């Protein structure tokens, strides 16, 4: 899995710096990111604090685990239905 170059804390700091500076291009140049990346971060983390970003990360991780559990249970259910449908 690709490792993120910036942590959530750093991203929120960059967003706040851009808000304070008012010049997005300059902030992007300072931190060596593209404007597209900045706007993607702003859409995801805009208006968040560091604690809220951590909660978001934890919720996304939990959601991923739950989706895997549902997929496994669906597969088990399908296999059991297939076995029960056959005549012995």
C-alpha atoms as a PDB file:
ATOM      1  CA  UNK A   1       0.000   0.000   0.000  1.00  0.00           C
ATOM      2  CA  UNK A   2       1.255   3.456  -0.843  1.00  0.00           C
ATOM      3  CA  UNK A   3       2.433   5.391   2.180  1.00  0.00           C
ATOM      4  CA  UNK A   4       1.022   8.882   2.577  1.00  0.00           C
ATOM      5  CA  UNK A   5       3.575  11.639   2.326  1.00  0.00           C
ATOM      6  CA  UNK A   6       1.727  13.963   4.679  1.00  0.00           C
ATOM      7  CA  UNK A   7      -0.018  13.119   7.939  1.00  0.00           C
ATOM      8  CA  UNK A   8      -3.465  14.488   8.703  1.00  0.00           C
ATOM      9  CA  UNK A   9      -1.946  16.958  11.152  1.00  0.00           C
ATOM     10  CA  UNK A  10       0.360  18.319   8.452  1.00  0.00           C
ATOM     11  CA  UNK A  11      -2.473  18.540   5.927  1.00  0.00           C
ATOM     12  CA  UNK A  12      -4.641  20.523   8.330  1.00  0.00           C
ATOM     13  CA  UNK A  13      -1.684  22.817   9.046  1.00  0.00           C
ATOM     14  CA  UNK A  14      -1.186  23.423   5.326  1.00  0.00           C
ATOM     15  CA  UNK A  15      -4.895  24.186   4.872  1.00  0.00           C
ATOM     16  CA  UNK A  16      -4.850  26.660   7.752  1.00  0.00           C
ATOM     17  CA  UNK A  17      -1.694  28.301   6.389  1.00  0.00           C
ATOM     18  CA  UNK A  18      -3.346  28.738   3.001  1.00  0.00           C
ATOM     19  CA  UNK A  19      -6.428  30.200   4.629  1.00  0.00           C
ATOM     20  CA  UNK A  20      -4.318  32.689   6.555  1.00  0.00           C
ATOM     21  CA  UNK A  21      -2.084  33.578   3.610  1.00  0.00           C
ATOM     22  CA  UNK A  22      -4.855  33.871   1.065  1.00  0.00           C
ATOM     23  CA  UNK A  23      -2.555  32.792  -1.768  1.00  0.00           C
ATOM     24  CA  UNK A  24      -3.085  29.114  -2.500  1.00  0.00           C
ATOM     25  CA  UNK A  25      -0.468  28.874  -5.239  1.00  0.00           C
ATOM     26  CA  UNK A  26       2.272  30.171  -2.966  1.00  0.00           C
ATOM     27  CA  UNK A  27       1.399  27.724  -0.183  1.00  0.00           C
ATOM     28  CA  UNK A  28       1.297  24.848  -2.681  1.00  0.00           C
ATOM     29  CA  UNK A  29       4.703  25.851  -3.987  1.00  0.00           C
ATOM     30  CA  UNK A  30       6.158  26.053  -0.464  1.00  0.00           C
ATOM     31  CA  UNK A  31       4.960  22.560   0.425  1.00  0.00           C
ATOM     32  CA  UNK A  32       5.622  21.088  -3.024  1.00  0.00           C
ATOM     33  CA  UNK A  33       2.062  19.946  -3.704  1.00  0.00           C
ATOM     34  CA  UNK A  34      -0.231  20.523  -6.660  1.00  0.00           C
ATOM     35  CA  UNK A  35      -3.294  22.714  -6.496  1.00  0.00           C
ATOM     36  CA  UNK A  36      -5.427  19.683  -7.277  1.00  0.00           C
ATOM     37  CA  UNK A  37      -4.058  17.946  -4.191  1.00  0.00           C
ATOM     38  CA  UNK A  38      -4.749  21.060  -2.120  1.00  0.00           C
ATOM     39  CA  UNK A  39      -8.365  21.248  -3.266  1.00  0.00           C
ATOM     40  CA  UNK A  40      -8.850  17.515  -2.686  1.00  0.00           C
ATOM     41  CA  UNK A  41      -7.514  17.942   0.871  1.00  0.00           C
ATOM     42  CA  UNK A  42      -9.722  20.980   1.409  1.00  0.00           C
ATOM     43  CA  UNK A  43     -12.791  19.015   0.305  1.00  0.00           C
ATOM     44  CA  UNK A  44     -11.944  16.172   2.685  1.00  0.00           C
ATOM     45  CA  UNK A  45     -10.401  17.984   5.684  1.00  0.00           C
ATOM     46  CA  UNK A  46     -11.751  21.532   5.311  1.00  0.00           C
ATOM     47  CA  UNK A  47     -12.789  23.016   8.646  1.00  0.00           C
ATOM     48  CA  UNK A  48     -11.522  20.069  10.704  1.00  0.00           C
ATOM     49  CA  UNK A  49      -9.331  20.016  13.749  1.00  0.00           C
ATOM     50  CA  UNK A  50      -6.616  17.417  14.287  1.00  0.00           C
ATOM     51  CA  UNK A  51      -8.798  15.426  16.687  1.00  0.00           C
ATOM     52  CA  UNK A  52     -11.634  15.318  14.165  1.00  0.00           C
ATOM     53  CA  UNK A  53      -9.246  14.097  11.470  1.00  0.00           C
ATOM     54  CA  UNK A  54      -8.106  11.274  13.750  1.00  0.00           C
ATOM     55  CA  UNK A  55     -11.722  10.295  14.391  1.00  0.00           C
ATOM     56  CA  UNK A  56     -12.362  10.325  10.634  1.00  0.00           C
ATOM     57  CA  UNK A  57      -9.384   8.040  10.039  1.00  0.00           C
ATOM     58  CA  UNK A  58     -10.576   5.642  12.756  1.00  0.00           C
ATOM     59  CA  UNK A  59     -14.101   5.594  11.328  1.00  0.00           C
ATOM     60  CA  UNK A  60     -12.794   4.921   7.817  1.00  0.00           C
ATOM     61  CA  UNK A  61     -10.682   2.040   9.147  1.00  0.00           C
ATOM     62  CA  UNK A  62     -13.663   0.599  11.024  1.00  0.00           C
ATOM     63  CA  UNK A  63     -15.866   0.965   7.942  1.00  0.00           C
ATOM     64  CA  UNK A  64     -13.314  -0.947   5.856  1.00  0.00           C
ATOM     65  CA  UNK A  65     -13.251  -3.780   8.387  1.00  0.00           C
ATOM     66  CA  UNK A  66     -17.046  -3.935   8.467  1.00  0.00           C
ATOM     67  CA  UNK A  67     -17.219  -4.091   4.665  1.00  0.00           C
ATOM     68  CA  UNK A  68     -14.797  -7.023   4.686  1.00  0.00           C
ATOM     69  CA  UNK A  69     -16.922  -8.793   7.300  1.00  0.00           C
ATOM     70  CA  UNK A  70     -20.076  -8.314   5.220  1.00  0.00           C
ATOM     71  CA  UNK A  71     -18.328  -9.637   2.125  1.00  0.00           C
ATOM     72  CA  UNK A  72     -17.129 -12.747   3.992  1.00  0.00           C
ATOM     73  CA  UNK A  73     -20.566 -13.407   5.479  1.00  0.00           C
ATOM     74  CA  UNK A  74     -22.247 -12.935   2.090  1.00  0.00           C
ATOM     75  CA  UNK A  75     -19.886 -15.461   0.554  1.00  0.00           C
ATOM     76  CA  UNK A  76     -20.544 -17.943   3.361  1.00  0.00           C
ATOM     77  CA  UNK A  77     -24.283 -17.430   2.976  1.00  0.00           C
ATOM     78  CA  UNK A  78     -24.130 -17.996  -0.777  1.00  0.00           C
ATOM     79  CA  UNK A  79     -22.115 -21.194  -0.323  1.00  0.00           C
ATOM     80  CA  UNK A  80     -24.589 -22.547   2.256  1.00  0.00           C
ATOM     81  CA  UNK A  81     -27.542 -21.776  -0.003  1.00  0.00           C
ATOM     82  CA  UNK A  82     -25.836 -23.559  -2.886  1.00  0.00           C
ATOM     83  CA  UNK A  83     -25.143 -26.628  -0.750  1.00  0.00           C
ATOM     84  CA  UNK A  84     -28.739 -26.732   0.548  1.00  0.00           C
ATOM     85  CA  UNK A  85     -30.251 -26.422  -2.927  1.00  0.00           C
ATOM     86  CA  UNK A  86     -28.670 -29.676  -4.153  1.00  0.00           C
ATOM     87  CA  UNK A  87     -30.594 -32.918  -3.812  1.00  0.00           C
ATOM     88  CA  UNK A  88     -28.826 -35.594  -1.869  1.00  0.00           C
END
